[in-house]
Amino acid sequence: MTLALRSWVLAPLTLCGIWAGAATAQDTFTLTSSAIVSGGDLPSDLKCSRDGGNGLSPPLSWSTVPEGTQSLAVIMQHYPRGKIAGTDAPSQYWLLWNIPADTTAIPRGNPTSLGDEGADKDERFTGYTPPCSPRGARHEYTITLFALNAAPDTLPSNDSLQVDWTEMTQAIGPLVISSSSFTFWN
């Protein structure tokens, strides 16, 4: 299931005044993963090491990048219990920007370090944080791909621990042409 311009993903951008609604839904702009079924469970090999996985980022691919796209960005997030979409910042699991517009996929683990990465969930390192839900809990995670009309010039052109969800969404918000998301559970 592809969810273009999911309101609960873009609502925080709108409430923060950083996304003016210039994007239009394009059903053909589609983000998928060969390893994750949208709405399904995270495969065991992609879980955190505590849960027997290798902790690598999932492979992503997309099609029909909107006309005018100059750069792409990815956000993977989760709203923990007590946090409200559109009101609170979520936990960030992957912040990735400056992906070239002609890119159509990111391989599992992003082995060539495509794009620039922000702070992980615990803000101790840059890069991807594998989901590691508490035992007995099921959490929903969302990965969103953003088509941007320019590279986000307020973000650094290198990996940066200082870039968190708020800084990234403020930087890309005015540049969003379209987006595509999928969710999964862990």
C-alpha atoms as a PDB file:
ATOM      1  CA  MET A   1       0.000   0.000   0.000  1.00  0.00           C
ATOM      2  CA  THR A   2       1.532   3.310  -1.106  1.00  0.00           C
ATOM      3  CA  LEU A   3       0.477   6.379   0.780  1.00  0.00           C
ATOM      4  CA  ALA A   4       1.330   9.569  -1.081  1.00  0.00           C
ATOM      5  CA  LEU A   5       1.407  12.684   1.068  1.00  0.00           C
ATOM      6  CA  ARG A   6       0.242  10.992   4.247  1.00  0.00           C
ATOM      7  CA  SER A   7      -1.342  13.753   6.298  1.00  0.00           C
ATOM      8  CA  TRP A   8       0.130  12.485   9.543  1.00  0.00           C
ATOM      9  CA  VAL A   9       3.643  12.659   8.062  1.00  0.00           C
ATOM     10  CA  LEU A  10       3.187  16.141   6.629  1.00  0.00           C
ATOM     11  CA  ALA A  11       0.991  17.491   9.444  1.00  0.00           C
ATOM     12  CA  PRO A  12       4.008  18.263  11.665  1.00  0.00           C
ATOM     13  CA  LEU A  13       5.573  20.123   8.743  1.00  0.00           C
ATOM     14  CA  THR A  14       2.401  22.161   8.259  1.00  0.00           C
ATOM     15  CA  LEU A  15       1.932  22.898  11.961  1.00  0.00           C
ATOM     16  CA  CYS A  16       5.522  24.055  12.238  1.00  0.00           C
ATOM     17  CA  GLY A  17       4.888  26.410   9.326  1.00  0.00           C
ATOM     18  CA  ILE A  18       7.540  24.775   7.196  1.00  0.00           C
ATOM     19  CA  TRP A  19       5.466  23.086   4.528  1.00  0.00           C
ATOM     20  CA  ALA A  20       3.109  25.313   2.655  1.00  0.00           C
ATOM     21  CA  GLY A  21       1.237  22.620   0.770  1.00  0.00           C
ATOM     22  CA  ALA A  22       2.876  23.131  -2.619  1.00  0.00           C
ATOM     23  CA  ALA A  23       3.084  19.377  -3.115  1.00  0.00           C
ATOM     24  CA  THR A  24       0.524  17.518  -5.123  1.00  0.00           C
ATOM     25  CA  ALA A  25      -0.325  13.873  -4.710  1.00  0.00           C
ATOM     26  CA  GLN A  26       1.151  11.799  -7.495  1.00  0.00           C
ATOM     27  CA  ASP A  27      -0.020   8.230  -7.210  1.00  0.00           C
ATOM     28  CA  THR A  28       2.786   7.112  -9.499  1.00  0.00           C
ATOM     29  CA  PHE A  29       5.558   8.376  -7.185  1.00  0.00           C
ATOM     30  CA  THR A  30       5.928   5.192  -5.216  1.00  0.00           C
ATOM     31  CA  LEU A  31       8.331   4.149  -2.457  1.00  0.00           C
ATOM     32  CA  THR A  32       8.739   0.414  -1.853  1.00  0.00           C
ATOM     33  CA  SER A  33      11.100  -2.069  -0.254  1.00  0.00           C
ATOM     34  CA  SER A  34      11.894  -5.534  -1.524  1.00  0.00           C
ATOM     35  CA  ALA A  35      12.337  -6.624   2.098  1.00  0.00           C
ATOM     36  CA  ILE A  36       9.297  -5.043   3.792  1.00  0.00           C
ATOM     37  CA  VAL A  37       5.634  -5.338   2.915  1.00  0.00           C
ATOM     38  CA  SER A  38       3.838  -2.078   3.624  1.00  0.00           C
ATOM     39  CA  GLY A  39       1.721  -2.552   6.742  1.00  0.00           C
ATOM     40  CA  GLY A  40       3.509  -5.806   7.533  1.00  0.00           C
ATOM     41  CA  ASP A  41       6.092  -6.830  10.085  1.00  0.00           C
ATOM     42  CA  LEU A  42       9.799  -6.009   9.907  1.00  0.00           C
ATOM     43  CA  PRO A  43      11.670  -9.127   8.747  1.00  0.00           C
ATOM     44  CA  SER A  44      13.799 -10.656  11.502  1.00  0.00           C
ATOM     45  CA  ASP A  45      17.069 -10.103   9.619  1.00  0.00           C
ATOM     46  CA  LEU A  46      16.466  -6.309   9.626  1.00  0.00           C
ATOM     47  CA  LYS A  47      15.807  -6.078  13.355  1.00  0.00           C
ATOM     48  CA  CYS A  48      18.337  -4.854  15.883  1.00  0.00           C
ATOM     49  CA  SER A  49      21.089  -7.218  17.012  1.00  0.00           C
ATOM     50  CA  ARG A  50      19.367  -7.793  20.366  1.00  0.00           C
ATOM     51  CA  ASP A  51      16.477  -9.331  18.406  1.00  0.00           C
ATOM     52  CA  GLY A  52      18.715 -11.402  16.108  1.00  0.00           C
ATOM     53  CA  GLY A  53      18.936  -9.004  13.169  1.00  0.00           C
ATOM     54  CA  ASN A  54      21.895  -7.330  11.541  1.00  0.00           C
ATOM     55  CA  GLY A  55      20.614  -3.784  12.099  1.00  0.00           C
ATOM     56  CA  LEU A  56      21.104  -2.699   8.494  1.00  0.00           C
ATOM     57  CA  SER A  57      18.815  -0.210   6.816  1.00  0.00           C
ATOM     58  CA  PRO A  58      16.233  -1.796   4.511  1.00  0.00           C
ATOM     59  CA  PRO A  59      16.607  -1.670   0.743  1.00  0.00           C
ATOM     60  CA  LEU A  60      14.426   1.058  -0.747  1.00  0.00           C
ATOM     61  CA  SER A  61      13.390   1.754  -4.306  1.00  0.00           C
ATOM     62  CA  TRP A  62      11.046   4.216  -5.970  1.00  0.00           C
ATOM     63  CA  SER A  63       9.548   5.029  -9.319  1.00  0.00           C
ATOM     64  CA  THR A  64       8.264   8.025 -11.247  1.00  0.00           C
ATOM     65  CA  VAL A  65      10.120  10.838  -9.530  1.00  0.00           C
ATOM     66  CA  PRO A  66       8.046  14.019 -10.051  1.00  0.00           C
ATOM     67  CA  GLU A  67       9.087  16.534 -12.677  1.00  0.00           C
ATOM     68  CA  GLY A  68      11.201  19.314 -11.201  1.00  0.00           C
ATOM     69  CA  THR A  69      12.812  17.114  -8.546  1.00  0.00           C
ATOM     70  CA  GLN A  70      16.356  18.320  -7.819  1.00  0.00           C
ATOM     71  CA  SER A  71      17.058  16.275  -4.686  1.00  0.00           C
ATOM     72  CA  LEU A  72      15.543  13.492  -2.573  1.00  0.00           C
ATOM     73  CA  ALA A  73      15.362  12.937   1.174  1.00  0.00           C
ATOM     74  CA  VAL A  74      14.306  10.044   3.431  1.00  0.00           C
ATOM     75  CA  ILE A  75      12.917  10.128   6.958  1.00  0.00           C
ATOM     76  CA  MET A  76      12.198   7.035   9.029  1.00  0.00           C
ATOM     77  CA  GLN A  77      10.289   7.791  12.207  1.00  0.00           C
ATOM     78  CA  HIS A  78       8.141   6.355  14.972  1.00  0.00           C
ATOM     79  CA  TYR A  79       5.794   8.050  17.431  1.00  0.00           C
ATOM     80  CA  PRO A  80       6.375   6.480  20.857  1.00  0.00           C
ATOM     81  CA  ARG A  81       3.519   6.108  23.295  1.00  0.00           C
ATOM     82  CA  GLY A  82       2.471   9.511  24.570  1.00  0.00           C
ATOM     83  CA  LYS A  83       3.683  11.401  21.476  1.00  0.00           C
ATOM     84  CA  ILE A  84       1.085  12.735  19.062  1.00  0.00           C
ATOM     85  CA  ALA A  85       1.581  13.101  15.314  1.00  0.00           C
ATOM     86  CA  GLY A  86       1.188  16.732  14.307  1.00  0.00           C
ATOM     87  CA  THR A  87       1.936  17.914  17.829  1.00  0.00           C
ATOM     88  CA  ASP A  88       5.133  16.213  19.002  1.00  0.00           C
ATOM     89  CA  ALA A  89       8.365  15.380  17.218  1.00  0.00           C
ATOM     90  CA  PRO A  90       8.675  11.637  16.625  1.00  0.00           C
ATOM     91  CA  SER A  91      11.679   9.455  17.355  1.00  0.00           C
ATOM     92  CA  GLN A  92      13.968   9.628  14.339  1.00  0.00           C
ATOM     93  CA  TYR A  93      15.462   6.414  13.017  1.00  0.00           C
ATOM     94  CA  TRP A  94      16.934   7.641   9.747  1.00  0.00           C
ATOM     95  CA  LEU A  95      17.456  11.133   8.379  1.00  0.00           C
ATOM     96  CA  LEU A  96      18.960  11.143   4.899  1.00  0.00           C
ATOM     97  CA  TRP A  97      19.190  14.119   2.519  1.00  0.00           C
ATOM     98  CA  ASN A  98      21.133  15.238  -0.570  1.00  0.00           C
ATOM     99  CA  ILE A  99      20.198  12.086  -2.444  1.00  0.00           C
ATOM    100  CA  PRO A 100      20.735  12.818  -6.162  1.00  0.00           C
ATOM    101  CA  ALA A 101      17.465  13.239  -8.065  1.00  0.00           C
ATOM    102  CA  ASP A 102      18.382  10.541 -10.601  1.00  0.00           C
ATOM    103  CA  THR A 103      18.713   7.906  -7.864  1.00  0.00           C
ATOM    104  CA  THR A 104      16.032   5.194  -7.921  1.00  0.00           C
ATOM    105  CA  ALA A 105      17.150   2.936  -5.065  1.00  0.00           C
ATOM    106  CA  ILE A 106      19.189   2.650  -1.893  1.00  0.00           C
ATOM    107  CA  PRO A 107      20.606  -0.842  -1.332  1.00  0.00           C
ATOM    108  CA  ARG A 108      20.301  -2.633   1.994  1.00  0.00           C
ATOM    109  CA  GLY A 109      22.679  -1.018   4.479  1.00  0.00           C
ATOM    110  CA  ASN A 110      23.349   1.962   2.156  1.00  0.00           C
ATOM    111  CA  PRO A 111      26.865   0.564   1.528  1.00  0.00           C
ATOM    112  CA  THR A 112      28.026   3.512  -0.591  1.00  0.00           C
ATOM    113  CA  SER A 113      26.769   6.050   1.967  1.00  0.00           C
ATOM    114  CA  LEU A 114      24.425   7.680  -0.516  1.00  0.00           C
ATOM    115  CA  GLY A 115      23.378  11.155   0.662  1.00  0.00           C
ATOM    116  CA  ASP A 116      24.113  12.820   3.979  1.00  0.00           C
ATOM    117  CA  GLU A 117      22.843  11.458   7.297  1.00  0.00           C
ATOM    118  CA  GLY A 118      21.659  13.131  10.472  1.00  0.00           C
ATOM    119  CA  ALA A 119      21.603  12.022  14.086  1.00  0.00           C
ATOM    120  CA  ASP A 120      20.432   8.540  14.974  1.00  0.00           C
ATOM    121  CA  LYS A 121      17.587   7.888  17.421  1.00  0.00           C
ATOM    122  CA  ASP A 122      19.748   8.427  20.490  1.00  0.00           C
ATOM    123  CA  GLU A 123      21.622  11.345  18.895  1.00  0.00           C
ATOM    124  CA  ARG A 124      24.992   9.707  19.595  1.00  0.00           C
ATOM    125  CA  PHE A 125      25.952   8.796  16.018  1.00  0.00           C
ATOM    126  CA  THR A 126      24.902   9.682  12.496  1.00  0.00           C
ATOM    127  CA  GLY A 127      23.016   7.228  10.346  1.00  0.00           C
ATOM    128  CA  TYR A 128      20.374   4.561  10.587  1.00  0.00           C
ATOM    129  CA  THR A 129      18.961   3.185  13.847  1.00  0.00           C
ATOM    130  CA  PRO A 130      17.414  -0.302  13.568  1.00  0.00           C
ATOM    131  CA  PRO A 131      14.027  -0.718  15.251  1.00  0.00           C
ATOM    132  CA  CYS A 132      14.386  -2.405  18.630  1.00  0.00           C
ATOM    133  CA  SER A 133      10.928  -2.298  20.199  1.00  0.00           C
ATOM    134  CA  PRO A 134      10.632  -3.400  23.824  1.00  0.00           C
ATOM    135  CA  ARG A 135       9.790  -7.082  24.189  1.00  0.00           C
ATOM    136  CA  GLY A 136       6.062  -7.644  23.980  1.00  0.00           C
ATOM    137  CA  ALA A 137       5.400  -4.254  22.346  1.00  0.00           C
ATOM    138  CA  ARG A 138       4.487  -3.575  18.719  1.00  0.00           C
ATOM    139  CA  HIS A 139       5.362  -0.200  17.289  1.00  0.00           C
ATOM    140  CA  GLU A 140       4.532   1.303  13.910  1.00  0.00           C
ATOM    141  CA  TYR A 141       7.365   2.840  11.893  1.00  0.00           C
ATOM    142  CA  THR A 142       7.102   4.987   8.785  1.00  0.00           C
ATOM    143  CA  ILE A 143       9.618   5.553   6.007  1.00  0.00           C
ATOM    144  CA  THR A 144       8.918   8.551   3.780  1.00  0.00           C
ATOM    145  CA  LEU A 145      10.698   9.580   0.602  1.00  0.00           C
ATOM    146  CA  PHE A 146      10.486  13.275  -0.268  1.00  0.00           C
ATOM    147  CA  ALA A 147      10.975  14.735  -3.752  1.00  0.00           C
ATOM    148  CA  LEU A 148      12.440  18.225  -3.345  1.00  0.00           C
ATOM    149  CA  ASN A 149      12.614  21.124  -5.815  1.00  0.00           C
ATOM    150  CA  ALA A 150      16.138  21.985  -4.564  1.00  0.00           C
ATOM    151  CA  ALA A 151      18.808  20.580  -2.303  1.00  0.00           C
ATOM    152  CA  PRO A 152      18.189  21.701   1.309  1.00  0.00           C
ATOM    153  CA  ASP A 153      20.819  24.443   1.540  1.00  0.00           C
ATOM    154  CA  THR A 154      20.317  24.977   5.274  1.00  0.00           C
ATOM    155  CA  LEU A 155      21.522  21.429   5.991  1.00  0.00           C
ATOM    156  CA  PRO A 156      25.215  20.556   5.877  1.00  0.00           C
ATOM    157  CA  SER A 157      26.658  18.798   2.830  1.00  0.00           C
ATOM    158  CA  ASN A 158      28.059  16.059   5.042  1.00  0.00           C
ATOM    159  CA  ASP A 159      26.847  13.730   7.799  1.00  0.00           C
ATOM    160  CA  SER A 160      25.994  15.763  10.888  1.00  0.00           C
ATOM    161  CA  LEU A 161      25.084  14.813  14.433  1.00  0.00           C
ATOM    162  CA  GLN A 162      23.482  18.254  14.812  1.00  0.00           C
ATOM    163  CA  VAL A 163      20.698  17.448  12.315  1.00  0.00           C
ATOM    164  CA  ASP A 164      17.648  16.075  14.118  1.00  0.00           C
ATOM    165  CA  TRP A 165      14.059  15.539  12.944  1.00  0.00           C
ATOM    166  CA  THR A 166      13.042  19.139  13.657  1.00  0.00           C
ATOM    167  CA  GLU A 167      15.989  20.681  11.826  1.00  0.00           C
ATOM    168  CA  MET A 168      15.553  18.363   8.856  1.00  0.00           C
ATOM    169  CA  THR A 169      11.807  18.869   8.475  1.00  0.00           C
ATOM    170  CA  GLN A 170      12.249  22.641   8.715  1.00  0.00           C
ATOM    171  CA  ALA A 171      14.932  22.501   6.009  1.00  0.00           C
ATOM    172  CA  ILE A 172      13.030  20.323   3.555  1.00  0.00           C
ATOM    173  CA  GLY A 173       9.484  21.526   4.274  1.00  0.00           C
ATOM    174  CA  PRO A 174       9.405  24.436   1.816  1.00  0.00           C
ATOM    175  CA  LEU A 175      11.064  22.299  -0.873  1.00  0.00           C
ATOM    176  CA  VAL A 176       8.668  19.320  -0.949  1.00  0.00           C
ATOM    177  CA  ILE A 177       7.133  18.594  -4.349  1.00  0.00           C
ATOM    178  CA  SER A 178       5.685  15.229  -3.370  1.00  0.00           C
ATOM    179  CA  SER A 179       6.238  12.314  -1.022  1.00  0.00           C
ATOM    180  CA  SER A 180       5.564   8.613  -0.756  1.00  0.00           C
ATOM    181  CA  SER A 181       5.515   6.513   2.426  1.00  0.00           C
ATOM    182  CA  PHE A 182       5.028   3.059   3.761  1.00  0.00           C
ATOM    183  CA  THR A 183       4.666   1.739   7.282  1.00  0.00           C
ATOM    184  CA  PHE A 184       5.689  -1.453   9.033  1.00  0.00           C
ATOM    185  CA  TRP A 185       5.484  -2.945  12.506  1.00  0.00           C
ATOM    186  CA  ASN A 186       8.108  -4.239  14.908  1.00  0.00           C
END
